[in-house]
Amino acid sequence: MKFNQQQLNELNLLLQFDLNSRDTGIKVHKTAEKKTQDAVESLYQKNLCTHPDGGYLTDEGIEVAQYADRILRVLTP
């Protein structure tokens, strides 16, 4: 099994959140690429962020984003 492009887009978007602060969110504007808009909507539907255009990470969203960050750090030479 491999990550599909939608999942990669979601992982990349999760990495945009500041994991050092629960008080820092993001907003995906309507002018953003369609793949980014789709990714944020999917994260919202999965209850990983608080708004369909971003907002803040939920507790589960923080955990998943931390895993994504760890994976990226391990795979980056």
N, C-alpha and C. Protein backbone atom coordinates (compact mmCIF):
# COMPACT_ATOMS: atom_id res chain seq x y z
N MET A 1 0.85 -1.18 0.00
CA MET A 1 0.00 0.00 0.00
C MET A 1 0.89 1.24 0.00
N LYS A 2 0.49 2.25 -0.78
CA LYS A 2 1.24 3.50 -0.87
C LYS A 2 0.29 4.66 -0.58
N PHE A 3 0.88 5.79 -0.20
CA PHE A 3 0.09 7.01 -0.05
C PHE A 3 -0.39 7.42 -1.44
N ASN A 4 -1.67 7.81 -1.53
CA ASN A 4 -2.14 8.37 -2.80
C ASN A 4 -1.89 9.89 -2.76
N GLN A 5 -2.13 10.56 -3.88
CA GLN A 5 -1.81 11.99 -3.97
C GLN A 5 -2.64 12.81 -2.98
N GLN A 6 -3.90 12.46 -2.78
CA GLN A 6 -4.75 13.19 -1.82
C GLN A 6 -4.17 13.08 -0.41
N GLN A 7 -3.73 11.91 -0.03
CA GLN A 7 -3.15 11.72 1.30
C GLN A 7 -1.85 12.51 1.44
N LEU A 8 -1.05 12.52 0.39
CA LEU A 8 0.19 13.32 0.43
C LEU A 8 -0.12 14.80 0.57
N ASN A 9 -1.16 15.26 -0.13
CA ASN A 9 -1.57 16.66 -0.01
C ASN A 9 -2.00 16.97 1.42
N GLU A 10 -2.72 16.05 2.05
CA GLU A 10 -3.16 16.24 3.43
C GLU A 10 -1.97 16.25 4.38
N LEU A 11 -1.04 15.34 4.19
CA LEU A 11 0.16 15.31 5.04
C LEU A 11 0.96 16.60 4.89
N ASN A 12 1.13 17.05 3.66
CA ASN A 12 1.86 18.30 3.44
C ASN A 12 1.16 19.48 4.09
N LEU A 13 -0.16 19.48 4.06
CA LEU A 13 -0.90 20.56 4.70
C LEU A 13 -0.77 20.49 6.22
N LEU A 14 -0.82 19.29 6.78
CA LEU A 14 -0.63 19.15 8.23
C LEU A 14 0.71 19.72 8.66
N LEU A 15 1.71 19.59 7.81
CA LEU A 15 3.04 20.10 8.13
C LEU A 15 3.11 21.62 8.10
N GLN A 16 2.07 22.27 7.58
CA GLN A 16 2.02 23.73 7.56
C GLN A 16 1.62 24.32 8.91
N PHE A 17 1.00 23.50 9.77
CA PHE A 17 0.60 23.97 11.09
C PHE A 17 1.82 24.08 11.99
N ASP A 18 1.81 25.06 12.88
CA ASP A 18 2.90 25.24 13.84
C ASP A 18 2.65 24.29 15.01
N LEU A 19 3.48 23.26 15.09
CA LEU A 19 3.30 22.25 16.14
C LEU A 19 3.79 22.73 17.50
N ASN A 20 4.43 23.89 17.54
CA ASN A 20 4.92 24.43 18.81
C ASN A 20 3.88 25.31 19.51
N SER A 21 2.75 25.55 18.85
CA SER A 21 1.74 26.42 19.44
C SER A 21 0.34 25.95 19.06
N ARG A 22 -0.46 25.67 20.07
CA ARG A 22 -1.86 25.30 19.84
C ARG A 22 -2.67 26.51 19.39
N ASP A 23 -2.15 27.70 19.62
CA ASP A 23 -2.87 28.94 19.33
C ASP A 23 -2.61 29.48 17.94
N THR A 24 -1.85 28.75 17.14
CA THR A 24 -1.55 29.20 15.79
C THR A 24 -2.25 28.26 14.80
N GLY A 25 -3.13 28.84 14.01
CA GLY A 25 -3.84 28.05 13.01
C GLY A 25 -3.45 28.48 11.62
N ILE A 26 -4.16 27.95 10.64
CA ILE A 26 -3.95 28.37 9.26
C ILE A 26 -5.31 28.64 8.62
N LYS A 27 -5.28 29.37 7.54
CA LYS A 27 -6.49 29.60 6.75
C LYS A 27 -6.13 29.36 5.30
N VAL A 28 -6.89 28.47 4.67
CA VAL A 28 -6.71 28.21 3.25
C VAL A 28 -7.73 29.07 2.51
N HIS A 29 -7.23 30.00 1.75
CA HIS A 29 -8.10 30.94 1.04
C HIS A 29 -8.69 30.31 -0.21
N LYS A 30 -9.76 30.89 -0.69
CA LYS A 30 -10.43 30.40 -1.90
C LYS A 30 -9.55 30.53 -3.14
N THR A 31 -8.49 31.32 -3.04
CA THR A 31 -7.57 31.48 -4.16
C THR A 31 -6.46 30.43 -4.14
N ALA A 32 -6.44 29.59 -3.10
CA ALA A 32 -5.43 28.53 -3.01
C ALA A 32 -5.69 27.47 -4.08
N GLU A 33 -4.66 26.70 -4.36
CA GLU A 33 -4.81 25.62 -5.34
C GLU A 33 -5.94 24.68 -4.91
N LYS A 34 -6.61 24.13 -5.89
CA LYS A 34 -7.74 23.22 -5.63
C LYS A 34 -7.30 22.05 -4.75
N LYS A 35 -6.10 21.52 -4.99
CA LYS A 35 -5.63 20.37 -4.21
C LYS A 35 -5.48 20.75 -2.73
N THR A 36 -5.10 21.99 -2.46
CA THR A 36 -4.96 22.45 -1.07
C THR A 36 -6.34 22.64 -0.44
N GLN A 37 -7.26 23.20 -1.19
CA GLN A 37 -8.63 23.36 -0.70
C GLN A 37 -9.26 22.00 -0.41
N ASP A 38 -9.04 21.04 -1.29
CA ASP A 38 -9.58 19.69 -1.09
C ASP A 38 -8.94 19.03 0.14
N ALA A 39 -7.64 19.24 0.31
CA ALA A 39 -6.93 18.64 1.44
C ALA A 39 -7.45 19.18 2.76
N VAL A 40 -7.64 20.49 2.86
CA VAL A 40 -8.11 21.07 4.12
C VAL A 40 -9.54 20.63 4.41
N GLU A 41 -10.37 20.55 3.39
CA GLU A 41 -11.74 20.09 3.59
C GLU A 41 -11.74 18.64 4.09
N SER A 42 -10.87 17.82 3.54
CA SER A 42 -10.76 16.43 3.97
C SER A 42 -10.28 16.33 5.42
N LEU A 43 -9.30 17.15 5.79
CA LEU A 43 -8.82 17.15 7.18
C LEU A 43 -9.95 17.55 8.13
N TYR A 44 -10.75 18.51 7.71
CA TYR A 44 -11.90 18.93 8.52
C TYR A 44 -12.91 17.80 8.66
N GLN A 45 -13.22 17.13 7.57
CA GLN A 45 -14.18 16.02 7.61
C GLN A 45 -13.68 14.88 8.49
N LYS A 46 -12.38 14.73 8.60
CA LYS A 46 -11.78 13.69 9.44
C LYS A 46 -11.59 14.16 10.88
N ASN A 47 -12.07 15.39 11.16
CA ASN A 47 -11.97 15.98 12.50
C ASN A 47 -10.52 16.18 12.95
N LEU A 48 -9.67 16.54 11.99
CA LEU A 48 -8.28 16.82 12.32
C LEU A 48 -8.01 18.32 12.45
N CYS A 49 -8.91 19.14 11.89
CA CYS A 49 -8.83 20.59 12.07
C CYS A 49 -10.24 21.13 12.35
N THR A 50 -10.30 22.35 12.85
CA THR A 50 -11.56 22.86 13.41
C THR A 50 -12.49 23.54 12.41
N HIS A 51 -11.99 23.91 11.22
CA HIS A 51 -12.83 24.61 10.24
C HIS A 51 -12.57 24.04 8.86
N PRO A 52 -13.56 24.12 7.98
CA PRO A 52 -13.37 23.57 6.63
C PRO A 52 -12.31 24.32 5.81
N ASP A 53 -11.90 25.48 6.27
CA ASP A 53 -10.83 26.21 5.58
C ASP A 53 -9.57 26.27 6.43
N GLY A 54 -9.47 25.41 7.43
CA GLY A 54 -8.27 25.34 8.26
C GLY A 54 -8.57 25.48 9.73
N GLY A 55 -8.31 26.65 10.28
CA GLY A 55 -8.52 26.85 11.71
C GLY A 55 -7.36 26.28 12.49
N TYR A 56 -7.68 25.56 13.53
CA TYR A 56 -6.68 24.98 14.42
C TYR A 56 -6.75 23.47 14.34
N LEU A 57 -5.66 22.82 14.70
CA LEU A 57 -5.67 21.36 14.77
C LEU A 57 -6.44 20.91 16.00
N THR A 58 -7.18 19.83 15.85
CA THR A 58 -7.82 19.20 17.00
C THR A 58 -6.74 18.39 17.73
N ASP A 59 -7.09 17.81 18.86
CA ASP A 59 -6.12 16.98 19.59
C ASP A 59 -5.61 15.85 18.70
N GLU A 60 -6.52 15.19 17.99
CA GLU A 60 -6.10 14.12 17.08
C GLU A 60 -5.29 14.68 15.92
N GLY A 61 -5.66 15.85 15.44
CA GLY A 61 -4.91 16.49 14.37
C GLY A 61 -3.48 16.79 14.78
N ILE A 62 -3.30 17.25 16.00
CA ILE A 62 -1.95 17.50 16.52
C ILE A 62 -1.14 16.21 16.53
N GLU A 63 -1.74 15.14 16.99
CA GLU A 63 -1.06 13.86 17.06
C GLU A 63 -0.65 13.38 15.67
N VAL A 64 -1.57 13.47 14.72
CA VAL A 64 -1.27 13.03 13.35
C VAL A 64 -0.19 13.93 12.73
N ALA A 65 -0.27 15.23 12.96
CA ALA A 65 0.73 16.16 12.43
C ALA A 65 2.11 15.86 13.03
N GLN A 66 2.15 15.50 14.29
CA GLN A 66 3.43 15.15 14.93
C GLN A 66 4.02 13.89 14.29
N TYR A 67 3.16 12.91 13.98
CA TYR A 67 3.63 11.71 13.29
C TYR A 67 4.17 12.07 11.91
N ALA A 68 3.44 12.91 11.19
CA ALA A 68 3.88 13.34 9.85
C ALA A 68 5.24 14.04 9.95
N ASP A 69 5.38 14.89 10.94
CA ASP A 69 6.64 15.60 11.14
C ASP A 69 7.78 14.62 11.42
N ARG A 70 7.52 13.62 12.25
CA ARG A 70 8.55 12.63 12.58
C ARG A 70 8.95 11.83 11.34
N ILE A 71 7.96 11.42 10.56
CA ILE A 71 8.23 10.67 9.34
C ILE A 71 9.10 11.50 8.40
N LEU A 72 8.75 12.75 8.21
CA LEU A 72 9.52 13.61 7.33
C LEU A 72 10.95 13.77 7.82
N ARG A 73 11.13 13.96 9.12
CA ARG A 73 12.48 14.14 9.67
C ARG A 73 13.32 12.88 9.50
N VAL A 74 12.72 11.70 9.67
CA VAL A 74 13.45 10.45 9.53
C VAL A 74 13.84 10.22 8.06
N LEU A 75 12.96 10.56 7.14
CA LEU A 75 13.21 10.30 5.73
C LEU A 75 14.09 11.35 5.06
N THR A 76 14.29 12.49 5.72
CA THR A 76 15.09 13.56 5.14
C THR A 76 16.56 13.35 5.50
N PRO A 77 17.41 13.25 4.46
CA PRO A 77 18.84 13.01 4.76
C PRO A 77 19.51 14.21 5.40
